[in-house]
C-alpha cells in the first residue's frame, strides 16, 4: 500500500485516506463568460495526462479534508513531494526524479526487476 504524506497533518498516511483530484496548477480564466465553447472545453476537460513527472491535486478525504499538491511519477506511481495548496511548484533535482523512475524499460511499474535463472521460479 502506498503511503502519502499530508503536508497539513505532517504524517504519512495510507493511500485509502486520499483522493486524487487531477492536474494541479490550472488557472481559471478571468473572462469565463467570454470563452468560446472550444476554449471552455480546453479549460474544463483537456488535461496533459503525461507519462512521467506529473503535478497533481490531492485531497486528504478521510483525514483533515484539505486539498494539497503532489509531485508523482505516473509510471512508477511513486511520490517525490507533497506541498500545500497555493504554493509554487517545487524545483526538482535529477536525483529525485531518478529515484522514483521505473527501473528499466518494459518492466511493470511497481515490480522489482527479476532475472530468471535456469530452474523455473529461481529468481536472483
N, C-alpha and C. Protein backbone atom coordinates (compact mmCIF):
# COMPACT_ATOMS: atom_id res chain seq x y z
N UNK A 1 0.83 -1.17 0.00
CA UNK A 1 0.00 0.00 0.00
C UNK A 1 0.88 1.25 0.00
N UNK A 2 0.46 2.22 -0.77
CA UNK A 2 1.18 3.49 -0.80
C UNK A 2 0.94 4.28 0.48
N UNK A 3 1.96 4.95 0.92
CA UNK A 3 1.82 5.92 1.99
C UNK A 3 2.00 7.30 1.37
N UNK A 4 1.09 8.20 1.65
CA UNK A 4 1.14 9.54 1.09
C UNK A 4 1.31 10.52 2.25
N UNK A 5 2.22 11.45 2.07
CA UNK A 5 2.49 12.44 3.12
C UNK A 5 1.52 13.61 2.97
N UNK A 6 0.74 13.87 4.01
CA UNK A 6 -0.14 15.04 4.03
C UNK A 6 0.65 16.22 4.58
N UNK A 7 0.82 17.29 3.80
CA UNK A 7 1.61 18.42 4.29
C UNK A 7 0.92 19.22 5.40
N UNK A 8 -0.37 19.00 5.60
CA UNK A 8 -1.07 19.69 6.68
C UNK A 8 -1.03 18.89 7.98
N UNK A 9 -1.32 17.60 7.89
CA UNK A 9 -1.26 16.73 9.07
C UNK A 9 0.18 16.40 9.44
N UNK A 10 1.08 16.57 8.48
CA UNK A 10 2.51 16.25 8.63
C UNK A 10 2.71 14.79 9.03
N UNK A 11 1.97 13.92 8.35
CA UNK A 11 2.07 12.47 8.58
C UNK A 11 1.99 11.73 7.27
N UNK A 12 2.61 10.55 7.23
CA UNK A 12 2.43 9.63 6.12
C UNK A 12 1.24 8.76 6.45
N UNK A 13 0.24 8.76 5.58
CA UNK A 13 -1.00 8.03 5.82
C UNK A 13 -1.29 7.10 4.64
N UNK A 14 -2.08 6.03 4.84
CA UNK A 14 -2.39 5.08 3.76
C UNK A 14 -3.14 5.76 2.62
N UNK A 15 -2.88 5.30 1.42
CA UNK A 15 -3.48 5.89 0.23
C UNK A 15 -5.01 5.88 0.27
N UNK A 16 -5.61 4.96 1.01
CA UNK A 16 -7.07 4.87 1.08
C UNK A 16 -7.71 6.10 1.71
N UNK A 17 -6.91 6.90 2.42
CA UNK A 17 -7.43 8.13 3.03
C UNK A 17 -7.48 9.30 2.04
N UNK A 18 -6.92 9.12 0.86
CA UNK A 18 -6.76 10.22 -0.09
C UNK A 18 -7.55 9.99 -1.36
N UNK A 19 -7.79 11.08 -2.07
CA UNK A 19 -8.43 11.01 -3.38
C UNK A 19 -7.71 11.95 -4.33
N UNK A 20 -7.27 11.42 -5.46
CA UNK A 20 -6.63 12.24 -6.48
C UNK A 20 -7.68 13.09 -7.18
N UNK A 21 -7.35 14.34 -7.39
CA UNK A 21 -8.31 15.28 -7.98
C UNK A 21 -7.87 15.82 -9.33
N UNK A 22 -6.84 15.20 -9.92
CA UNK A 22 -6.42 15.62 -11.26
C UNK A 22 -5.22 16.56 -11.25
N UNK A 23 -5.02 17.17 -12.39
CA UNK A 23 -3.86 18.03 -12.61
C UNK A 23 -3.89 19.27 -11.72
N UNK A 24 -2.74 19.64 -11.21
CA UNK A 24 -2.61 20.83 -10.35
C UNK A 24 -2.17 22.04 -11.17
N UNK A 25 -2.29 23.18 -10.56
CA UNK A 25 -1.81 24.46 -11.12
C UNK A 25 -2.54 24.85 -12.41
N UNK A 26 -3.82 24.60 -12.46
CA UNK A 26 -4.64 25.02 -13.60
C UNK A 26 -5.28 26.36 -13.23
N UNK A 27 -5.01 27.37 -14.02
CA UNK A 27 -5.54 28.70 -13.72
C UNK A 27 -6.89 28.88 -14.40
N UNK A 28 -7.84 29.31 -13.61
CA UNK A 28 -9.18 29.59 -14.13
C UNK A 28 -9.13 30.89 -14.92
N UNK A 29 -9.66 30.90 -16.14
CA UNK A 29 -9.68 32.14 -16.93
C UNK A 29 -10.50 33.22 -16.24
N UNK A 30 -10.04 34.45 -16.30
CA UNK A 30 -10.75 35.55 -15.65
C UNK A 30 -11.98 35.97 -16.46
N UNK A 31 -12.00 35.62 -17.73
CA UNK A 31 -13.10 36.02 -18.61
C UNK A 31 -13.96 34.80 -19.00
N UNK A 32 -14.38 34.02 -18.02
CA UNK A 32 -15.07 32.76 -18.27
C UNK A 32 -16.30 32.92 -19.18
N UNK A 33 -17.09 33.98 -18.98
CA UNK A 33 -18.31 34.19 -19.77
C UNK A 33 -18.01 34.49 -21.23
N UNK A 34 -16.81 34.96 -21.51
CA UNK A 34 -16.46 35.33 -22.88
C UNK A 34 -15.79 34.21 -23.66
N UNK A 35 -15.51 33.07 -23.03
CA UNK A 35 -14.82 31.96 -23.70
C UNK A 35 -15.71 31.31 -24.74
N UNK A 36 -15.10 30.91 -25.83
CA UNK A 36 -15.83 30.12 -26.84
C UNK A 36 -16.06 28.72 -26.27
N UNK A 37 -16.94 27.98 -26.87
CA UNK A 37 -17.19 26.60 -26.41
C UNK A 37 -15.91 25.77 -26.48
N UNK A 38 -15.11 25.98 -27.51
CA UNK A 38 -13.86 25.22 -27.67
C UNK A 38 -12.86 25.57 -26.57
N UNK A 39 -12.73 26.86 -26.24
CA UNK A 39 -11.81 27.28 -25.19
C UNK A 39 -12.29 26.82 -23.81
N UNK A 40 -13.61 26.85 -23.61
CA UNK A 40 -14.15 26.36 -22.34
C UNK A 40 -13.89 24.86 -22.21
N UNK A 41 -14.06 24.12 -23.29
CA UNK A 41 -13.78 22.67 -23.27
C UNK A 41 -12.31 22.42 -22.92
N UNK A 42 -11.40 23.18 -23.52
CA UNK A 42 -9.97 23.02 -23.21
C UNK A 42 -9.68 23.27 -21.74
N UNK A 43 -10.27 24.33 -21.18
CA UNK A 43 -10.06 24.64 -19.76
C UNK A 43 -10.65 23.57 -18.86
N UNK A 44 -11.88 23.17 -19.16
CA UNK A 44 -12.62 22.31 -18.23
C UNK A 44 -12.27 20.83 -18.34
N UNK A 45 -11.98 20.35 -19.55
CA UNK A 45 -11.83 18.91 -19.75
C UNK A 45 -10.43 18.44 -20.16
N UNK A 46 -9.73 19.21 -20.94
CA UNK A 46 -8.49 18.74 -21.54
C UNK A 46 -7.33 18.89 -20.55
N UNK A 47 -6.65 17.77 -20.28
CA UNK A 47 -5.51 17.76 -19.37
C UNK A 47 -4.33 17.11 -20.05
N UNK A 48 -3.13 17.39 -19.54
CA UNK A 48 -1.92 16.86 -20.17
C UNK A 48 -1.83 15.35 -20.07
N UNK A 49 -2.07 14.79 -18.88
CA UNK A 49 -2.03 13.34 -18.66
C UNK A 49 -0.76 12.72 -19.24
N UNK A 50 0.36 13.29 -18.91
CA UNK A 50 1.63 12.85 -19.49
C UNK A 50 2.23 11.66 -18.75
N UNK A 51 3.10 10.99 -19.41
CA UNK A 51 3.83 9.87 -18.84
C UNK A 51 5.10 10.44 -18.21
N UNK A 52 5.31 10.16 -16.92
CA UNK A 52 6.50 10.68 -16.24
C UNK A 52 6.10 11.53 -15.04
N UNK A 53 6.79 12.63 -14.84
CA UNK A 53 6.56 13.51 -13.69
C UNK A 53 5.28 14.32 -13.91
N UNK A 54 4.38 14.24 -12.93
CA UNK A 54 3.13 14.99 -13.00
C UNK A 54 2.92 15.76 -11.70
N UNK A 55 2.27 16.91 -11.83
CA UNK A 55 1.90 17.73 -10.67
C UNK A 55 0.40 17.58 -10.52
N UNK A 56 -0.02 17.05 -9.37
CA UNK A 56 -1.42 16.71 -9.17
C UNK A 56 -2.00 17.38 -7.93
N UNK A 57 -3.30 17.47 -7.93
CA UNK A 57 -4.04 17.97 -6.77
C UNK A 57 -4.64 16.76 -6.06
N UNK A 58 -4.47 16.69 -4.76
CA UNK A 58 -4.99 15.59 -3.96
C UNK A 58 -5.79 16.14 -2.80
N UNK A 59 -6.64 15.30 -2.23
CA UNK A 59 -7.41 15.69 -1.04
C UNK A 59 -7.28 14.59 0.01
N UNK A 60 -6.99 15.01 1.24
CA UNK A 60 -6.92 14.07 2.37
C UNK A 60 -8.36 13.87 2.86
N UNK A 61 -9.10 13.12 2.09
CA UNK A 61 -10.55 12.98 2.26
C UNK A 61 -10.92 12.41 3.63
N UNK A 62 -10.24 11.37 4.07
CA UNK A 62 -10.56 10.73 5.35
C UNK A 62 -9.55 11.12 6.42
N UNK A 63 -9.17 12.35 6.40
CA UNK A 63 -8.23 12.90 7.38
C UNK A 63 -8.63 14.34 7.64
N UNK A 64 -7.73 15.27 7.34
CA UNK A 64 -8.01 16.69 7.58
C UNK A 64 -8.98 17.28 6.56
N UNK A 65 -9.19 16.59 5.43
CA UNK A 65 -10.12 17.06 4.42
C UNK A 65 -9.58 18.15 3.50
N UNK A 66 -8.31 18.50 3.65
CA UNK A 66 -7.75 19.62 2.90
C UNK A 66 -7.16 19.16 1.57
N UNK A 67 -7.13 20.10 0.63
CA UNK A 67 -6.50 19.88 -0.67
C UNK A 67 -5.03 20.23 -0.58
N UNK A 68 -4.20 19.49 -1.30
CA UNK A 68 -2.77 19.79 -1.40
C UNK A 68 -2.29 19.33 -2.76
N UNK A 69 -1.07 19.66 -3.08
CA UNK A 69 -0.47 19.27 -4.36
C UNK A 69 0.60 18.22 -4.14
N UNK A 70 0.83 17.43 -5.15
CA UNK A 70 1.84 16.37 -5.08
C UNK A 70 2.58 16.28 -6.40
N UNK A 71 3.83 15.88 -6.32
CA UNK A 71 4.63 15.57 -7.49
C UNK A 71 4.81 14.06 -7.49
N UNK A 72 4.40 13.42 -8.59
CA UNK A 72 4.40 11.97 -8.66
C UNK A 72 4.88 11.52 -10.03
N UNK A 73 5.49 10.34 -10.08
CA UNK A 73 5.87 9.75 -11.36
C UNK A 73 4.71 8.87 -11.79
N UNK A 74 4.09 9.18 -12.92
CA UNK A 74 2.87 8.49 -13.32
C UNK A 74 3.10 7.04 -13.75
N UNK A 75 4.32 6.65 -14.05
CA UNK A 75 4.59 5.27 -14.44
C UNK A 75 4.88 4.41 -13.21
N UNK A 76 5.75 4.86 -12.35
CA UNK A 76 6.09 4.08 -11.15
C UNK A 76 5.08 4.28 -10.02
N UNK A 77 4.25 5.33 -10.12
CA UNK A 77 3.25 5.67 -9.11
C UNK A 77 3.89 6.05 -7.78
N UNK A 78 5.11 6.56 -7.83
CA UNK A 78 5.83 6.95 -6.61
C UNK A 78 5.83 8.47 -6.48
N UNK A 79 5.68 8.92 -5.24
CA UNK A 79 5.63 10.36 -4.96
C UNK A 79 7.03 10.90 -4.71
N UNK A 80 7.28 12.10 -5.22
CA UNK A 80 8.54 12.80 -4.97
C UNK A 80 8.34 13.76 -3.81
N UNK A 81 7.23 14.50 -3.85
CA UNK A 81 6.98 15.52 -2.82
C UNK A 81 5.50 15.83 -2.75
N UNK A 82 5.07 16.33 -1.60
CA UNK A 82 3.74 16.91 -1.45
C UNK A 82 3.94 18.30 -0.86
N UNK A 83 3.04 19.20 -1.20
CA UNK A 83 3.15 20.57 -0.70
C UNK A 83 1.76 21.20 -0.63
N UNK A 84 1.64 22.22 0.19
CA UNK A 84 0.35 22.84 0.46
C UNK A 84 -0.21 23.54 -0.78
N UNK A 85 -1.53 23.54 -0.86
CA UNK A 85 -2.22 24.23 -1.95
C UNK A 85 -1.83 25.71 -1.94
N UNK A 86 -1.64 26.27 -3.10
CA UNK A 86 -1.27 27.67 -3.20
C UNK A 86 0.23 27.90 -3.28
N UNK A 87 1.02 26.90 -2.89
CA UNK A 87 2.48 27.03 -3.01
C UNK A 87 2.89 26.77 -4.45
N UNK A 88 4.04 27.33 -4.84
CA UNK A 88 4.55 27.14 -6.20
C UNK A 88 5.09 25.73 -6.37
N UNK A 89 5.19 25.32 -7.64
CA UNK A 89 5.77 24.01 -7.95
C UNK A 89 7.20 23.95 -7.42
N UNK A 90 7.56 22.86 -6.77
CA UNK A 90 8.95 22.76 -6.30
C UNK A 90 9.89 22.50 -7.47
N UNK A 91 11.10 22.99 -7.35
CA UNK A 91 12.13 22.71 -8.36
C UNK A 91 12.69 21.33 -8.06
N UNK A 92 12.68 20.46 -9.04
CA UNK A 92 13.11 19.08 -8.85
C UNK A 92 14.55 18.89 -9.29
N UNK A 93 15.25 18.04 -8.57
CA UNK A 93 16.62 17.68 -8.92
C UNK A 93 16.59 16.36 -9.67
N UNK A 94 17.55 16.17 -10.54
CA UNK A 94 17.61 14.94 -11.33
C UNK A 94 17.64 13.70 -10.44
N UNK A 95 18.35 13.75 -9.33
CA UNK A 95 18.43 12.60 -8.41
C UNK A 95 17.06 12.25 -7.85
N UNK A 96 16.21 13.26 -7.58
CA UNK A 96 14.87 12.99 -7.07
C UNK A 96 14.01 12.27 -8.12
N UNK A 97 14.16 12.68 -9.37
CA UNK A 97 13.40 12.05 -10.45
C UNK A 97 13.91 10.64 -10.70
N UNK A 98 15.22 10.46 -10.74
CA UNK A 98 15.80 9.13 -10.97
C UNK A 98 15.41 8.14 -9.88
N UNK A 99 15.24 8.63 -8.66
CA UNK A 99 14.90 7.77 -7.53
C UNK A 99 13.53 7.13 -7.68
N UNK A 100 12.60 7.79 -8.36
CA UNK A 100 11.23 7.28 -8.50
C UNK A 100 10.92 6.70 -9.88
N UNK A 101 11.85 6.84 -10.81
CA UNK A 101 11.62 6.33 -12.17
C UNK A 101 11.62 4.80 -12.16
N UNK A 102 10.85 4.19 -13.05
CA UNK A 102 10.86 2.73 -13.14
C UNK A 102 12.28 2.22 -13.41
N UNK A 103 12.62 1.03 -12.94
CA UNK A 103 13.98 0.53 -13.03
C UNK A 103 14.49 0.30 -14.45
N UNK A 104 13.64 -0.11 -15.37
CA UNK A 104 14.10 -0.38 -16.73
C UNK A 104 12.92 -0.30 -17.68
N UNK A 105 13.23 -0.16 -18.95
CA UNK A 105 12.19 -0.11 -19.96
C UNK A 105 11.46 -1.45 -20.02
N UNK A 106 10.15 -1.39 -20.21
CA UNK A 106 9.30 -2.58 -20.34
C UNK A 106 9.20 -3.41 -19.06
N UNK A 107 9.42 -2.79 -17.89
CA UNK A 107 9.22 -3.50 -16.62
C UNK A 107 7.94 -3.00 -16.01
N UNK A 108 7.21 -3.88 -15.32
CA UNK A 108 6.00 -3.40 -14.63
C UNK A 108 6.36 -2.29 -13.66
N UNK A 109 5.48 -1.33 -13.52
CA UNK A 109 5.80 -0.11 -12.79
C UNK A 109 6.26 -0.33 -11.36
N UNK A 110 5.59 -1.12 -10.58
CA UNK A 110 5.93 -1.24 -9.17
C UNK A 110 6.59 -2.56 -8.81
N UNK A 111 7.08 -3.27 -9.78
CA UNK A 111 7.68 -4.57 -9.54
C UNK A 111 9.20 -4.48 -9.62
N UNK A 112 9.91 -5.29 -8.81
CA UNK A 112 11.37 -5.31 -8.94
C UNK A 112 11.77 -5.99 -10.25
N UNK A 113 12.95 -5.69 -10.72
CA UNK A 113 13.45 -6.32 -11.93
C UNK A 113 14.06 -7.65 -11.55
N UNK A 114 13.51 -8.75 -12.06
CA UNK A 114 14.00 -10.10 -11.74
C UNK A 114 14.77 -10.66 -12.91
N UNK A 115 15.78 -11.43 -12.61
CA UNK A 115 16.49 -12.20 -13.63
C UNK A 115 16.12 -13.65 -13.38
N UNK A 116 15.48 -14.28 -14.34
CA UNK A 116 15.04 -15.66 -14.16
C UNK A 116 16.21 -16.59 -14.39
N UNK A 117 16.42 -17.50 -13.43
CA UNK A 117 17.51 -18.47 -13.51
C UNK A 117 17.15 -19.67 -14.36
N UNK A 118 18.00 -20.71 -14.35
CA UNK A 118 17.78 -21.89 -15.16
C UNK A 118 16.57 -22.69 -14.69
N UNK A 119 16.37 -22.77 -13.38
CA UNK A 119 15.24 -23.51 -12.85
C UNK A 119 14.02 -22.59 -12.82
N UNK A 120 12.87 -23.18 -13.14
CA UNK A 120 11.64 -22.41 -13.16
C UNK A 120 11.38 -21.80 -11.77
N UNK A 121 11.14 -20.51 -11.74
CA UNK A 121 10.84 -19.84 -10.49
C UNK A 121 12.08 -19.39 -9.71
N UNK A 122 13.28 -19.74 -10.17
CA UNK A 122 14.51 -19.32 -9.49
C UNK A 122 14.78 -17.87 -9.86
N UNK A 123 14.65 -16.99 -8.88
CA UNK A 123 14.86 -15.57 -9.15
C UNK A 123 16.07 -15.09 -8.38
N UNK A 124 16.88 -14.30 -9.05
CA UNK A 124 18.06 -13.78 -8.38
C UNK A 124 18.26 -12.32 -8.72
